[in-house]
Amino acid sequence: MSLDPRLLEVLACPVDHGPLHYLGDEHGLYNPRLHLRYPVRDGIPVMLPDEADRLDPEEWATLDALVAEQRS
């Protein structure tokens, strides 16, 4: 399932209020500045700081690579 592009334009990280990268429902919404990932459940972004995954360096390297791939 994909998120509506209009929704993606207005979503921001609830912690630092910066933009997020949507990497599909499997990887959720990623904040590379804080190394947080917000889950997407049944096509609905869960934008609660307590529900975000704090990523370890290996995980954020993987997601940074996905973001770079999307930009190409």
Protein backbone atom coordinates (compact mmCIF):
# COMPACT_ATOMS: atom_id res chain seq x y z
CA MET A 1 0.00 0.00 0.00
CA SER A 2 1.23 3.51 -0.77
CA LEU A 3 0.60 6.76 1.05
CA ASP A 4 -1.16 9.62 -0.70
CA PRO A 5 1.48 12.02 -2.09
CA ARG A 6 -0.52 14.98 -0.73
CA LEU A 7 -0.27 13.51 2.76
CA LEU A 8 3.47 13.00 2.38
CA GLU A 9 3.88 16.68 1.52
CA VAL A 10 2.49 17.78 4.90
CA LEU A 11 3.80 15.06 7.22
CA ALA A 12 6.67 16.12 9.45
CA CYS A 13 8.52 14.53 12.31
CA PRO A 14 6.70 15.33 15.56
CA VAL A 15 10.04 15.64 17.36
CA ASP A 16 12.08 18.02 15.17
CA HIS A 17 9.32 19.08 12.74
CA GLY A 18 11.53 18.30 9.75
CA PRO A 19 10.67 16.33 6.61
CA LEU A 20 10.41 12.56 6.54
CA HIS A 21 11.25 10.04 3.84
CA TYR A 22 8.60 7.47 2.99
CA LEU A 23 10.30 4.17 2.24
CA GLY A 24 7.23 2.01 1.79
CA ASP A 25 5.05 0.43 4.42
CA GLU A 26 7.75 -2.08 5.31
CA HIS A 27 10.30 0.60 6.24
CA GLY A 28 7.87 3.37 7.23
CA LEU A 29 8.70 7.04 7.49
CA TYR A 30 12.34 7.80 8.21
CA ASN A 31 13.92 10.83 9.86
CA PRO A 32 17.64 10.70 8.97
CA ARG A 33 18.49 13.61 11.28
CA LEU A 34 17.37 11.80 14.44
CA HIS A 35 17.66 8.22 13.12
CA LEU A 36 14.00 7.54 13.89
CA ARG A 37 11.55 5.44 11.93
CA TYR A 38 7.81 5.87 12.27
CA PRO A 39 5.78 2.78 11.38
CA VAL A 40 3.01 2.66 8.79
CA ARG A 41 0.27 0.25 9.83
CA ASP A 42 -2.48 -0.68 7.39
CA GLY A 43 -1.57 2.35 5.29
CA ILE A 44 -1.77 4.75 8.26
CA PRO A 45 1.36 6.53 9.50
CA VAL A 46 1.81 6.23 13.26
CA MET A 47 3.31 9.61 14.13
CA LEU A 48 3.71 9.16 17.87
CA PRO A 49 7.24 9.69 19.23
CA ASP A 50 6.77 6.80 21.66
CA GLU A 51 5.96 4.47 18.73
CA ALA A 52 9.04 5.47 16.69
CA ASP A 53 11.93 3.04 16.36
CA ARG A 54 15.30 4.44 17.39
CA LEU A 55 17.67 2.90 14.86
CA ASP A 56 21.14 1.54 15.38
CA PRO A 57 23.96 2.57 12.98
CA GLU A 58 23.52 -0.48 10.75
CA GLU A 59 19.79 0.16 10.35
CA TRP A 60 20.18 3.86 9.60
CA ALA A 61 22.91 3.10 7.04
CA THR A 62 20.47 0.78 5.28
CA LEU A 63 17.72 3.40 5.28
CA ASP A 64 20.12 6.17 4.21
CA ALA A 65 21.01 3.99 1.21
CA LEU A 66 17.31 3.57 0.38
CA VAL A 67 16.80 7.34 0.56
CA ALA A 68 19.78 7.90 -1.77
CA GLU A 69 18.39 5.27 -4.15
CA GLN A 70 15.00 7.04 -4.23
CA ARG A 71 16.67 10.34 -5.11
CA SER A 72 18.49 8.83 -8.11
